[in-house]
Amino acid sequence: MIDLISNILFINVFSVPILLVLLVLIVAFSYYLLFLQDESILWLENENIFVDPKKGEEHKFPSIMDKNIKDDNVYLSIVIPAYNEEVRLPKMLDETLKFLNDKSKKELKFTYEIIIVDDGSKDNTAKLVTSYIESSPQSNIRLLKLKKNRGKGGAVKRGVLCSRGKYILMVDADGATDFKDFNRVEDYMKKIEKNENGIVCGSRSHLVDSDLVAKRSLLRNVLMYGFHIFVETLCVKGIKDTQCGFKLFTRETSKKIFPTLHIERWAFDVEILYLAQKLNIPIAEVAVNWTEIDGSKLDPFSSSIQMAKDILRIRMRYLLGIWKIKSSK
């Protein structure tokens, strides 16, 4: 009986402070999600420039919003975000350039540019890209060197905003996705494109039941399935693989989405698709050949926490009108 009274008194004495602390933490976390993310500066001073390999002159990148850029100038812009990728990038670039040059010979109207966004790398990524530009000026490679690391989403955003293509392909620097799958993605875009709008996402969802999943750690598999449920519940409906780094956009879609994009780290794909669904832009998924490549910069645990916070931020800020969709006009 004495123990029971003691327990009741303990709860009465200490439960109120505990509840107050929890309430304060909830309010503080909500305030952080809603208001305490700095809006990034789009360009730092003299950042959005590239060097003409023929004359050695510096030029400003064009803007995707420039009405003087016509769709027939460049058919495909390829945006490659790269952070410390001097080891993995050469193989990916060699395979990509071979595919693009072969396609250019077969299809006379097919023209392309490659924009490699060096996202504040600390290794020799920029020097490597420069060597490709100098040795193959006809390959239409441009280097966009960011002065500080913005995150994969920030790098992709800046690359897309400098693109001239009728279509814009986001592709990872590791070469995990077979670039030949562009033909399949392109064909699907022709089927779904409506009023010059559309997004086709490369998808690895068909690999879920394969040996690839079996080779991953239990933690990675739990995080993968948990992330999908989290995204499906809060932000993006009906997309099985939001995170594959192989996505094709029309120019008009890019003009509507990327100026609005806020998330600059790993969850930026979710915001892209969230905005596209809000704007009723056609979206499709196409299975691609994908191989896990060593050297990933992604830490499964810490990145999952960051992505969870960003997904909550996406949902809450757009819902409350703190973030608004910018006009592309």
Protein backbone atom coordinates (compact mmCIF):
# COMPACT_ATOMS: atom_id res chain seq x y z
CA MET A 1 0.00 0.00 0.00
CA ILE A 2 2.83 2.39 0.88
CA ASP A 3 4.55 1.54 -2.43
CA LEU A 4 1.35 2.26 -4.35
CA ILE A 5 0.95 5.67 -2.70
CA SER A 6 4.61 6.44 -3.36
CA ASN A 7 4.21 5.60 -7.04
CA ILE A 8 1.13 7.82 -7.34
CA LEU A 9 2.93 10.70 -5.63
CA PHE A 10 5.94 10.21 -7.92
CA ILE A 11 3.74 10.42 -11.00
CA ASN A 12 1.96 13.52 -9.71
CA VAL A 13 5.17 15.28 -8.79
CA PHE A 14 7.22 14.47 -11.87
CA SER A 15 4.72 13.94 -14.68
CA VAL A 16 3.88 17.63 -15.11
CA PRO A 17 7.51 18.77 -15.64
CA ILE A 18 8.08 15.87 -18.03
CA LEU A 19 5.00 16.76 -20.04
CA LEU A 20 6.09 20.41 -20.12
CA VAL A 21 9.54 19.42 -21.39
CA LEU A 22 7.98 17.23 -24.09
CA LEU A 23 5.65 20.05 -25.10
CA VAL A 24 8.55 22.50 -25.34
CA LEU A 25 10.52 20.00 -27.47
CA ILE A 26 7.55 19.49 -29.79
CA VAL A 27 7.03 23.24 -30.19
CA ALA A 28 10.75 23.82 -30.75
CA PHE A 29 10.96 21.04 -33.35
CA SER A 30 7.88 22.35 -35.16
CA TYR A 31 9.33 25.87 -35.18
CA TYR A 32 12.59 24.47 -36.57
CA LEU A 33 10.76 22.63 -39.35
CA LEU A 34 8.66 25.64 -40.26
CA PHE A 35 10.98 28.59 -39.92
CA LEU A 36 14.63 27.78 -39.21
CA GLN A 37 15.97 26.76 -42.61
CA ASP A 38 17.97 29.45 -44.33
CA GLU A 39 16.96 30.17 -47.90
CA SER A 40 20.05 29.49 -50.00
CA ILE A 41 21.54 32.13 -52.26
CA LEU A 42 21.17 30.93 -55.84
CA TRP A 43 24.52 32.15 -57.15
CA LEU A 44 27.61 33.32 -55.35
CA GLU A 45 29.69 36.01 -57.05
CA ASN A 46 31.02 34.89 -60.47
CA GLU A 47 29.86 31.34 -59.82
CA ASN A 48 27.61 30.61 -62.81
CA ILE A 49 30.33 30.72 -65.45
CA PHE A 50 31.98 28.27 -67.83
CA VAL A 51 35.13 28.41 -69.93
CA ASP A 52 35.02 28.20 -73.73
CA PRO A 53 37.62 25.50 -74.52
CA LYS A 54 38.36 26.92 -77.97
CA LYS A 55 39.13 30.49 -76.93
CA GLY A 56 39.75 30.07 -73.20
CA GLU A 57 37.20 32.79 -72.48
CA GLU A 58 34.80 32.85 -69.55
CA HIS A 59 31.08 33.13 -70.27
CA LYS A 60 27.97 33.25 -68.12
CA PHE A 61 25.72 30.25 -68.31
CA PRO A 62 22.38 30.98 -69.99
CA SER A 63 19.18 30.85 -67.96
CA ILE A 64 16.51 28.24 -68.58
CA MET A 65 14.02 31.12 -68.33
CA ASP A 66 15.61 32.92 -71.30
CA LYS A 67 12.94 33.13 -74.00
CA ASN A 68 15.61 33.55 -76.69
CA ILE A 69 16.73 29.94 -76.21
CA LYS A 70 14.71 27.78 -78.60
CA ASP A 71 14.07 24.07 -78.21
CA ASP A 72 15.83 23.27 -81.46
CA ASN A 73 19.15 24.71 -80.21
CA VAL A 74 19.89 21.66 -78.04
CA TYR A 75 17.76 18.54 -77.90
CA LEU A 76 19.10 17.06 -74.63
CA SER A 77 20.83 18.65 -71.65
CA ILE A 78 22.47 16.19 -69.27
CA VAL A 79 23.03 17.46 -65.72
CA ILE A 80 25.53 15.50 -63.63
CA PRO A 81 26.02 16.52 -59.97
CA ALA A 82 29.50 15.59 -58.81
CA TYR A 83 31.02 15.79 -55.34
CA ASN A 84 34.51 14.26 -55.00
CA GLU A 85 33.94 12.03 -58.05
CA GLU A 86 37.40 11.94 -59.66
CA VAL A 87 37.49 8.14 -59.28
CA ARG A 88 34.02 7.15 -60.48
CA LEU A 89 33.32 9.88 -63.04
CA PRO A 90 35.74 8.84 -65.87
CA LYS A 91 34.07 5.48 -66.55
CA MET A 92 30.63 7.05 -66.44
CA LEU A 93 31.67 9.88 -68.79
CA ASP A 94 33.35 7.54 -71.28
CA GLU A 95 30.26 5.32 -71.53
CA THR A 96 27.94 8.34 -71.74
CA LEU A 97 29.95 10.08 -74.45
CA LYS A 98 30.13 6.92 -76.53
CA PHE A 99 26.36 6.50 -76.36
CA LEU A 100 25.68 10.17 -77.16
CA ASN A 101 28.11 10.30 -80.08
CA ASP A 102 26.73 7.09 -81.56
CA LYS A 103 23.17 8.41 -81.22
CA SER A 104 24.20 11.72 -82.84
CA LYS A 105 25.51 9.85 -85.89
CA LYS A 106 22.29 7.85 -86.27
CA GLU A 107 19.90 10.72 -85.55
CA LEU A 108 20.98 13.95 -87.21
CA LYS A 109 18.54 16.06 -85.17
CA PHE A 110 19.90 14.73 -81.89
CA THR A 111 22.13 17.33 -80.22
CA TYR A 112 23.28 17.44 -76.65
CA GLU A 113 25.20 19.25 -73.95
CA ILE A 114 26.64 17.90 -70.72
CA ILE A 115 26.69 20.14 -67.64
CA ILE A 116 28.84 18.71 -64.87
CA VAL A 117 28.20 20.51 -61.60
CA ASP A 118 31.22 20.30 -59.31
CA ASP A 119 29.51 20.68 -55.95
CA GLY A 120 32.42 22.17 -54.00
CA SER A 121 34.61 19.09 -54.39
CA LYS A 122 37.81 18.81 -52.39
CA ASP A 123 39.50 16.41 -54.80
CA ASN A 124 40.46 16.79 -58.49
CA THR A 125 36.96 16.48 -59.94
CA ALA A 126 37.15 19.93 -61.59
CA LYS A 127 40.59 19.21 -63.10
CA LEU A 128 39.34 15.90 -64.45
CA VAL A 129 36.33 17.53 -66.13
CA THR A 130 38.54 20.29 -67.53
CA SER A 131 40.81 17.67 -69.10
CA TYR A 132 37.80 16.12 -70.86
CA ILE A 133 36.70 19.56 -72.09
CA GLU A 134 40.15 20.42 -73.44
CA SER A 135 40.70 17.06 -75.12
CA SER A 136 37.20 16.82 -76.64
CA PRO A 137 35.80 20.34 -77.21
CA GLN A 138 33.31 18.88 -79.72
CA SER A 139 31.66 16.88 -76.90
CA ASN A 140 29.83 19.98 -75.60
CA ILE A 141 30.83 19.49 -71.97
CA ARG A 142 30.53 22.46 -69.65
CA LEU A 143 31.81 22.66 -66.09
CA LEU A 144 29.77 24.53 -63.50
CA LYS A 145 32.01 24.86 -60.47
CA LEU A 146 30.18 25.78 -57.26
CA LYS A 147 32.28 27.60 -54.69
CA LYS A 148 30.80 25.69 -51.76
CA ASN A 149 28.96 22.43 -51.33
CA ARG A 150 25.19 22.84 -51.72
CA GLY A 151 24.12 19.20 -51.67
CA LYS A 152 23.02 16.97 -54.54
CA GLY A 153 19.68 18.76 -54.89
CA GLY A 154 21.36 22.16 -54.93
CA ALA A 155 23.82 21.03 -57.59
CA VAL A 156 21.08 19.55 -59.79
CA LYS A 157 18.94 22.68 -59.41
CA ARG A 158 21.75 24.98 -60.55
CA GLY A 159 22.65 22.71 -63.46
CA VAL A 160 19.05 22.53 -64.67
CA LEU A 161 18.63 26.31 -64.41
CA CYS A 162 21.59 26.65 -66.82
CA SER A 163 20.29 24.12 -69.36
CA ARG A 164 19.42 24.83 -72.97
CA GLY A 165 17.84 21.52 -73.93
CA LYS A 166 14.31 20.68 -75.00
CA TYR A 167 14.68 17.79 -72.57
CA ILE A 168 16.81 17.71 -69.45
CA LEU A 169 18.20 14.49 -67.97
CA MET A 170 19.43 14.29 -64.39
CA VAL A 171 21.94 11.47 -64.00
CA ASP A 172 24.28 10.42 -61.18
CA ALA A 173 28.05 10.63 -61.60
CA ASP A 174 28.68 7.07 -60.43
CA GLY A 175 27.27 5.47 -63.59
CA ALA A 176 25.02 3.15 -61.58
CA THR A 177 22.27 3.44 -64.22
CA ASP A 178 23.07 2.12 -67.68
CA PHE A 179 22.97 5.22 -69.87
CA LYS A 180 21.61 3.18 -72.78
CA ASP A 181 18.31 3.17 -70.90
CA PHE A 182 17.89 6.79 -72.01
CA ASN A 183 16.27 5.46 -75.21
CA ARG A 184 13.57 3.72 -73.18
CA VAL A 185 13.02 6.78 -70.98
CA GLU A 186 12.86 9.04 -74.04
CA ASP A 187 10.30 6.80 -75.75
CA TYR A 188 8.10 6.85 -72.67
CA MET A 189 8.29 10.63 -72.49
CA LYS A 190 6.81 10.81 -75.99
CA LYS A 191 3.84 8.77 -74.75
CA ILE A 192 3.00 10.80 -71.63
CA GLU A 193 4.10 14.32 -72.54
CA LYS A 194 1.17 16.74 -72.41
CA ASN A 195 1.34 20.44 -73.30
CA GLU A 196 5.15 20.14 -73.35
CA ASN A 197 5.12 18.87 -69.74
CA GLY A 198 6.23 15.56 -68.33
CA ILE A 199 8.63 13.68 -66.06
CA VAL A 200 9.91 10.14 -66.59
CA CYS A 201 11.65 8.57 -63.60
CA GLY A 202 14.08 5.73 -63.94
CA SER A 203 12.96 3.10 -61.45
CA ARG A 204 14.70 0.32 -59.54
CA SER A 205 11.48 -0.99 -57.99
CA HIS A 206 11.69 -4.15 -60.13
CA LEU A 207 14.90 -5.00 -58.24
CA VAL A 208 13.19 -5.15 -54.85
CA ASP A 209 12.77 -8.93 -54.99
CA SER A 210 16.16 -9.54 -56.54
CA ASP A 211 19.45 -10.67 -55.06
CA LEU A 212 20.43 -7.00 -54.76
CA VAL A 213 18.17 -6.55 -51.73
CA ALA A 214 19.43 -9.76 -50.20
CA LYS A 215 23.01 -8.43 -50.37
CA ARG A 216 22.14 -5.22 -48.54
CA SER A 217 22.36 -4.95 -44.78
CA LEU A 218 19.25 -5.32 -42.65
CA LEU A 219 19.53 -1.62 -41.70
CA ARG A 220 19.57 -0.47 -45.35
CA ASN A 221 16.56 -2.62 -46.20
CA VAL A 222 14.56 -1.41 -43.18
CA LEU A 223 15.39 2.20 -44.01
CA MET A 224 14.47 1.67 -47.68
CA TYR A 225 11.02 0.25 -46.94
CA GLY A 226 10.39 2.73 -44.12
CA PHE A 227 11.36 5.66 -46.34
CA HIS A 228 8.95 4.54 -49.07
CA ILE A 229 6.04 4.30 -46.61
CA PHE A 230 6.93 7.71 -45.14
CA VAL A 231 7.05 9.38 -48.57
CA GLU A 232 3.85 7.69 -49.76
CA THR A 233 1.99 8.78 -46.64
CA LEU A 234 3.11 12.41 -46.53
CA CYS A 235 4.10 13.63 -49.97
CA VAL A 236 4.15 11.58 -53.17
CA LYS A 237 1.50 9.04 -54.11
CA GLY A 238 1.93 6.13 -56.48
CA ILE A 239 5.66 6.43 -57.24
CA LYS A 240 7.54 3.29 -56.25
CA ASP A 241 11.06 4.72 -56.55
CA THR A 242 11.40 8.44 -55.92
CA GLN A 243 15.17 8.38 -55.41
CA CYS A 244 16.66 6.89 -58.57
CA GLY A 245 19.17 9.37 -59.99
CA PHE A 246 17.98 9.06 -63.59
CA LYS A 247 15.09 11.42 -64.37
CA LEU A 248 14.04 13.09 -67.60
CA PHE A 249 12.18 16.42 -67.63
CA THR A 250 10.75 18.54 -70.39
CA ARG A 251 12.03 22.09 -70.52
CA GLU A 252 8.59 23.51 -69.60
CA THR A 253 8.35 21.24 -66.56
CA SER A 254 11.85 22.25 -65.45
CA LYS A 255 10.89 25.93 -65.70
CA LYS A 256 7.90 25.32 -63.43
CA ILE A 257 9.59 23.18 -60.79
CA PHE A 258 13.27 24.04 -60.34
CA PRO A 259 12.95 27.78 -59.58
CA THR A 260 10.60 26.74 -56.74
CA LEU A 261 12.80 23.92 -55.38
CA HIS A 262 13.87 24.50 -51.76
CA ILE A 263 15.34 21.19 -50.57
CA GLU A 264 18.99 20.93 -51.58
CA ARG A 265 20.03 17.67 -49.92
CA TRP A 266 18.95 14.06 -50.51
CA ALA A 267 15.16 14.54 -50.32
CA PHE A 268 15.03 16.99 -53.24
CA ASP A 269 13.61 14.27 -55.54
CA VAL A 270 10.58 14.05 -53.25
CA GLU A 271 9.95 17.79 -53.50
CA ILE A 272 10.25 17.64 -57.31
CA LEU A 273 7.62 14.93 -57.54
CA TYR A 274 5.43 16.57 -54.89
CA LEU A 275 5.37 19.78 -56.94
CA ALA A 276 4.75 17.89 -60.17
CA GLN A 277 1.71 16.16 -58.69
CA LYS A 278 0.40 19.48 -57.35
CA LEU A 279 0.78 20.95 -60.86
CA ASN A 280 -0.84 17.91 -62.53
CA ILE A 281 2.29 17.25 -64.57
CA PRO A 282 2.31 13.74 -66.12
CA ILE A 283 4.74 11.40 -64.34
CA ALA A 284 5.81 7.90 -65.36
CA GLU A 285 8.24 5.29 -64.04
CA VAL A 286 10.37 3.16 -66.33
CA ALA A 287 12.50 0.24 -65.19
CA VAL A 288 16.23 0.83 -65.70
CA ASN A 289 19.29 -1.35 -65.41
CA TRP A 290 21.00 -0.35 -62.20
CA THR A 291 24.11 -1.62 -60.43
CA GLU A 292 25.25 -0.60 -56.95
CA ILE A 293 28.63 1.15 -57.26
CA ASP A 294 31.17 1.36 -54.44
CA GLY A 295 32.13 4.78 -53.11
CA SER A 296 28.73 6.18 -52.13
CA LYS A 297 28.82 9.41 -50.09
CA LEU A 298 25.48 8.50 -48.51
CA ASP A 299 25.48 7.36 -44.88
CA PRO A 300 22.24 5.35 -44.50
CA PHE A 301 21.45 6.35 -40.91
CA SER A 302 22.29 10.07 -40.83
CA SER A 303 20.92 10.68 -44.33
CA SER A 304 17.64 8.97 -43.38
CA ILE A 305 17.21 11.33 -40.43
CA GLN A 306 17.95 14.33 -42.66
CA MET A 307 15.54 13.12 -45.33
CA ALA A 308 12.79 12.49 -42.77
CA LYS A 309 13.14 16.07 -41.51
CA ASP A 310 13.10 17.42 -45.06
CA ILE A 311 10.01 15.42 -46.01
CA LEU A 312 8.18 16.76 -42.95
CA ARG A 313 9.33 20.24 -43.92
CA ILE A 314 8.03 19.81 -47.49
CA ARG A 315 4.62 18.69 -46.29
CA MET A 316 4.20 21.31 -43.56
CA ARG A 317 5.56 24.35 -45.38
CA TYR A 318 3.57 23.90 -48.58
CA LEU A 319 0.46 22.95 -46.60
CA LEU A 320 0.68 26.12 -44.50
CA GLY A 321 1.61 28.32 -47.46
CA ILE A 322 5.09 29.18 -46.16
CA TRP A 323 6.51 27.83 -49.42
CA LYS A 324 4.66 28.71 -52.61
CA ILE A 325 5.01 27.55 -56.18
CA LYS A 326 6.72 30.24 -58.22
CA SER A 327 5.36 31.27 -61.59
CA SER A 328 7.44 30.27 -64.60
CA LYS A 329 6.24 33.25 -66.64
